[in-house]
Protein backbone atom coordinates (compact mmCIF):
# COMPACT_ATOMS: atom_id res chain seq x y z
CA MET A 1 6.05 -11.81 11.55
CA LYS A 2 4.04 -9.13 13.34
CA VAL A 3 3.16 -5.93 11.48
CA ALA A 4 0.79 -2.99 12.02
CA LEU A 5 -1.53 -1.15 9.64
CA ALA A 6 -2.09 2.47 10.70
CA GLN A 7 -5.62 3.55 9.78
CA THR A 8 -5.38 7.33 10.14
CA ASN A 9 -7.74 10.28 9.93
CA ILE A 10 -5.51 12.40 7.69
CA ILE A 11 -5.54 16.14 8.33
CA TRP A 12 -5.87 17.79 4.93
CA GLU A 13 -2.52 18.99 3.51
CA ASP A 14 -0.97 19.40 6.99
CA LYS A 15 2.30 17.49 6.91
CA THR A 16 3.43 18.60 10.36
CA ALA A 17 0.25 17.50 12.12
CA ASN A 18 0.09 14.20 10.24
CA GLU A 19 3.75 13.48 10.98
CA THR A 20 3.05 13.91 14.69
CA ILE A 21 0.13 11.48 14.44
CA ALA A 22 2.28 9.01 12.49
CA VAL A 23 5.08 9.05 15.05
CA ASP A 24 2.58 8.31 17.81
CA TYR A 25 1.35 5.24 15.91
CA ILE A 26 4.93 4.17 15.21
CA SER A 27 5.74 4.36 18.91
CA GLN A 28 2.64 2.30 19.75
CA ALA A 29 3.40 -0.33 17.12
CA ALA A 30 7.02 -0.66 18.20
CA GLY A 31 5.89 -1.05 21.81
CA LEU A 32 3.57 -3.88 20.73
CA GLY A 33 6.45 -5.72 19.09
CA ALA A 34 5.62 -4.98 15.45
CA GLN A 35 8.45 -5.39 12.96
CA GLY A 36 6.80 -2.99 10.51
CA ILE A 37 4.07 -0.36 10.29
CA PHE A 38 2.35 0.84 7.13
CA PHE A 39 0.40 4.04 6.46
CA PRO A 40 -2.18 4.96 3.78
CA GLU A 41 -1.54 6.53 0.38
CA MET A 42 -0.37 10.18 0.54
CA SER A 43 0.07 9.63 4.27
CA LEU A 44 0.82 13.22 5.30
CA THR A 45 -1.41 15.23 2.95
CA GLY A 46 -4.50 13.27 1.96
CA PHE A 47 -5.43 12.67 -1.68
CA SER A 48 -4.42 16.13 -2.85
CA MET A 49 -3.95 17.34 -6.42
CA ASN A 50 -2.42 20.56 -5.08
CA THR A 51 1.05 19.40 -6.06
CA GLN A 52 2.60 22.87 -5.97
CA ILE A 53 2.20 22.69 -2.19
CA THR A 54 2.34 18.97 -1.40
CA ALA A 55 4.89 17.52 -3.83
CA GLU A 56 8.55 17.40 -2.78
CA ARG A 57 11.72 17.71 -4.84
CA GLU A 58 14.22 16.16 -2.41
CA GLY A 59 12.17 13.51 -0.60
CA GLU A 60 12.08 15.31 2.73
CA THR A 61 9.34 13.02 4.06
CA VAL A 62 11.30 9.86 3.35
CA ASN A 63 14.46 11.32 4.90
CA LYS A 64 12.56 12.13 8.10
CA PHE A 65 11.00 8.70 8.32
CA CYS A 66 14.35 7.00 7.72
CA GLN A 67 15.51 8.61 10.95
CA ILE A 68 12.29 7.65 12.73
CA ALA A 69 12.56 4.02 11.56
CA SER A 70 16.10 3.81 12.89
CA ARG A 71 15.12 5.44 16.19
CA TYR A 72 12.26 3.00 16.86
CA HIS A 73 13.93 0.07 15.09
CA ILE A 74 10.84 -0.66 13.00
CA ALA A 75 10.18 -0.80 9.26
CA ILE A 76 7.88 1.94 7.94
CA GLY A 77 5.79 2.27 4.77
CA ILE A 78 4.91 5.88 3.93
CA GLY A 79 3.06 7.54 1.05
CA TRP A 80 4.26 10.87 -0.37
CA THR A 81 4.39 12.84 -3.61
CA LYS A 82 7.39 13.93 -5.64
CA GLN A 83 7.59 16.80 -8.11
CA GLY A 84 8.69 15.60 -11.54
CA GLU A 85 9.78 17.53 -14.60
CA SER A 86 6.20 18.32 -15.56
CA LEU A 87 3.71 16.23 -13.57
CA ALA A 88 4.18 14.95 -10.03
CA GLU A 89 4.59 11.29 -8.97
CA ASN A 90 2.55 9.40 -6.37
CA HIS A 91 5.12 7.41 -4.35
CA TYR A 92 5.07 4.80 -1.62
CA SER A 93 8.38 4.08 0.09
CA VAL A 94 9.27 1.26 2.46
CA ILE A 95 12.09 1.83 4.93
CA ASP A 96 13.69 -0.98 6.92
CA GLU A 97 14.33 -0.99 10.66
CA CYS A 98 17.85 0.37 10.11
CA GLY A 99 16.52 3.44 8.30
CA GLN A 100 17.37 2.34 4.76
CA VAL A 101 14.92 2.70 1.87
CA ILE A 102 14.32 -0.81 0.49
CA SER A 103 11.49 -0.01 -1.93
CA ASP A 104 10.18 3.07 -3.72
CA TYR A 105 7.09 2.47 -5.85
CA THR A 106 5.37 4.98 -8.14
CA LYS A 107 1.63 4.46 -8.71
CA ILE A 108 1.13 2.87 -12.13
CA HIS A 109 -2.55 3.79 -12.52
CA PRO A 110 -3.41 7.39 -11.58
CA PHE A 111 -7.14 7.64 -10.86
CA SER A 112 -8.42 9.35 -14.01
CA TYR A 113 -12.02 9.43 -12.69
CA ALA A 114 -10.80 12.01 -10.14
CA ASP A 115 -8.39 13.69 -12.62
CA GLU A 116 -5.32 12.33 -10.84
CA ASP A 117 -3.78 11.65 -14.26
CA LYS A 118 -3.81 15.41 -14.98
CA PHE A 119 -1.49 16.04 -12.04
CA PHE A 120 0.46 12.78 -11.66
CA THR A 121 2.40 10.74 -14.18
CA SER A 122 2.24 6.93 -14.30
CA GLY A 123 4.89 4.73 -12.76
CA SER A 124 6.54 2.12 -14.96
CA LYS A 125 7.96 -0.46 -12.57
CA ILE A 126 6.63 -3.17 -10.23
CA THR A 127 8.77 -3.24 -7.10
CA ASN A 128 9.74 -6.24 -4.99
CA PHE A 129 11.55 -6.25 -1.68
CA THR A 130 12.34 -8.51 1.26
CA LEU A 131 11.17 -7.71 4.78
CA GLY A 132 11.44 -10.23 7.58
CA GLU A 133 11.22 -13.72 6.12
CA TYR A 134 8.83 -12.73 3.32
CA HIS A 135 9.04 -11.37 -0.21
CA TRP A 136 6.82 -8.32 -0.67
CA SER A 137 5.41 -6.06 -3.36
CA ASN A 138 3.11 -3.07 -3.17
CA PHE A 139 0.66 -1.11 -5.25
CA ILE A 140 -1.42 2.00 -4.52
CA CYS A 141 -5.21 2.37 -4.29
CA TYR A 142 -6.66 2.40 -7.86
CA ASP A 143 -4.04 -0.17 -8.92
CA LEU A 144 -6.24 -2.66 -7.04
CA ARG A 145 -8.66 -2.73 -9.98
CA PHE A 146 -6.01 -4.17 -12.32
CA PRO A 147 -5.47 -7.87 -11.48
CA GLU A 148 -2.65 -8.28 -14.00
CA LEU A 149 -0.34 -6.34 -11.68
CA PHE A 150 -0.99 -8.73 -8.81
CA GLN A 151 -0.35 -11.81 -10.93
CA ILE A 152 2.99 -10.44 -12.09
CA ALA A 153 4.03 -9.31 -8.60
CA SER A 154 3.07 -12.62 -6.99
CA GLU A 155 5.50 -14.52 -9.19
CA THR A 156 7.95 -13.32 -6.54
CA ALA A 157 5.96 -11.70 -3.74
CA GLU A 158 4.17 -13.57 -0.94
CA ILE A 159 2.73 -10.38 0.58
CA ILE A 160 1.22 -7.54 -1.42
CA LEU A 161 0.66 -4.23 0.34
CA VAL A 162 -2.12 -1.88 -0.82
CA PRO A 163 -2.09 1.60 0.77
CA ALA A 164 -5.06 3.71 -0.30
CA ASN A 165 -7.38 6.67 0.06
CA TRP A 166 -10.48 4.65 -0.86
CA PRO A 167 -13.83 6.45 -0.35
CA GLN A 168 -16.72 5.08 1.68
CA LYS A 169 -19.15 5.11 -1.26
CA ARG A 170 -17.12 2.37 -2.98
CA GLU A 171 -16.19 0.38 0.13
CA GLU A 172 -17.93 -2.78 -1.13
CA HIS A 173 -15.64 -2.72 -4.18
CA TRP A 174 -12.66 -2.35 -1.83
CA LYS A 175 -13.58 -5.38 0.26
CA CYS A 176 -14.50 -7.58 -2.70
CA LEU A 177 -11.45 -6.69 -4.79
CA LEU A 178 -9.02 -7.22 -1.92
CA GLN A 179 -10.36 -10.71 -1.25
CA ALA A 180 -10.30 -11.55 -4.95
CA ARG A 181 -6.68 -10.41 -5.32
CA ALA A 182 -5.63 -12.55 -2.35
CA ILE A 183 -7.31 -15.67 -3.75
CA GLU A 184 -6.14 -15.10 -7.34
CA SER A 185 -2.53 -14.42 -6.43
CA GLN A 186 -2.35 -16.81 -3.44
CA SER A 187 -0.76 -13.99 -1.45
CA TYR A 188 -1.33 -12.16 1.78
CA ILE A 189 -2.98 -8.83 1.05
CA LEU A 190 -2.30 -6.06 3.56
CA ALA A 191 -4.58 -3.11 2.84
CA VAL A 192 -4.36 0.17 4.72
CA ASN A 193 -6.92 2.92 4.17
CA CYS A 194 -7.65 6.25 5.81
CA VAL A 195 -10.82 7.10 7.74
CA GLY A 196 -12.97 10.14 8.45
CA VAL A 197 -13.93 13.09 6.27
CA VAL A 198 -10.98 14.52 4.36
CA ASN A 199 -11.54 17.41 1.93
CA ASN A 200 -15.30 16.69 1.97
CA ILE A 201 -14.81 13.03 1.01
CA GLU A 202 -15.80 10.32 3.50
CA TYR A 203 -13.47 7.38 4.07
CA SER A 204 -14.59 4.35 6.08
CA GLY A 205 -11.30 2.59 6.68
CA HIS A 206 -11.71 -1.17 6.46
CA SER A 207 -7.95 -1.60 6.65
CA CYS A 208 -7.39 -5.33 6.77
CA CYS A 209 -5.28 -8.42 6.34
CA ILE A 210 -6.51 -11.17 4.03
CA SER A 211 -4.83 -14.56 3.92
CA PRO A 212 -3.71 -16.35 0.73
CA TYR A 213 -6.86 -18.47 1.18
CA GLY A 214 -9.05 -15.36 1.03
CA GLU A 215 -9.79 -15.36 4.77
CA LEU A 216 -10.31 -12.00 6.48
CA LEU A 217 -7.85 -12.24 9.36
CA ASP A 218 -8.44 -8.81 10.87
CA THR A 219 -9.99 -5.46 9.98
CA LEU A 220 -10.72 -2.06 11.49
CA ILE A 221 -14.01 -0.26 10.79
CA GLY A 222 -15.26 3.17 11.71
CA GLY A 223 -12.33 4.94 13.34
CA PRO A 224 -8.59 5.48 13.43
CA GLY A 225 -6.28 2.94 15.03
CA LEU A 226 -3.89 0.08 14.46
CA VAL A 227 -4.61 -3.29 12.89
CA MET A 228 -2.08 -5.72 14.36
CA VAL A 229 -1.36 -8.68 12.11
CA ASP A 230 0.66 -11.83 12.82
CA LEU A 231 1.72 -13.39 9.51
CA GLN A 232 2.27 -17.12 9.93
CA LYS A 233 1.11 -19.08 6.89
CA ASP A 234 3.65 -20.71 4.61
CA VAL A 235 2.73 -19.17 1.25
CA LYS A 236 5.21 -21.31 -0.67
CA ARG A 237 3.64 -24.49 0.73
CA LEU A 238 0.13 -23.36 -0.20
CA ARG A 239 1.19 -22.59 -3.76
CA LYS A 240 2.86 -25.98 -4.02
CA GLU A 241 -0.18 -27.86 -2.68
CA PHE A 242 -2.65 -25.96 -4.88
CA PRO A 243 -0.54 -24.92 -7.90
CA ILE A 244 -2.77 -22.44 -9.72
CA LYS A 245 0.19 -20.55 -11.11
CA ARG A 246 1.44 -23.66 -12.87
CA ASP A 247 -1.70 -23.62 -15.02
CA ARG A 248 -1.56 -19.98 -16.08
CA LYS A 249 -1.19 -19.45 -19.85
CA TRP A 250 0.99 -16.36 -19.98
CA GLU A 251 1.79 -16.57 -23.67
CA PHE A 252 -1.87 -16.98 -24.57
CA TYR A 253 -2.93 -13.99 -22.46
CA VAL A 254 -0.24 -11.81 -24.01
CA SER A 255 -1.25 -12.87 -27.52
CA GLN A 256 -4.89 -11.98 -26.83
CA TYR A 257 -3.97 -8.57 -25.47
CA ARG A 258 -1.95 -7.89 -28.60
CA ARG A 259 -4.87 -8.92 -30.80
CA LYS A 260 -7.14 -6.48 -28.98
CA LYS A 261 -4.73 -3.67 -29.75
């Protein structure tokens, strides 16, 4: 299965300009034979807390990209924000090649260090979906620091997608954590980050694909562009040959968490 990761230099809070950039990447990816293309977190705005301007009530972004997915016959993953009753929600939606939404995930861990939790509420559901011949799940950016999510998701998922706005000053954490999550969960990790200076924060990209063995299959450093990935490994066979999950002690872990509380 061939997919593309679109490492973009997001123009701050300019949905129209970023949509134009996204469509250009979608056209390129479709022309290269990709079955899907995935964009960073908050794809059309950057990591903005200005929810009065950026957050949507009706999902206009998703509706537009449903039409675009159908036009180019390619699956699309897009990050956007939705206005809730009080706080907003940080969403990532996956649309299939027919223009149908097959997954809509809300970020479970808002980034409190940057006050995201003051503007965005927490999601409460891990999503799973099927695309191509694989079972997928996805999280968003700061979720990467919570390995429990990846263990739960990988009970079903073979590929875990991580769109992000991850800053350059913590890029070593990004690279290390992605590899660790791939090895721990025995899953492909597809990570797509933005690049450039957005709202005075520098992003260095490092969008990448990591195999279930922890191998870095491809990455993009230093500029915008596409990472083209050809997914070929049989994840089910790997998990059968090296059955880490069989040895996990779920009941023990849960009991210890409860004791801590």
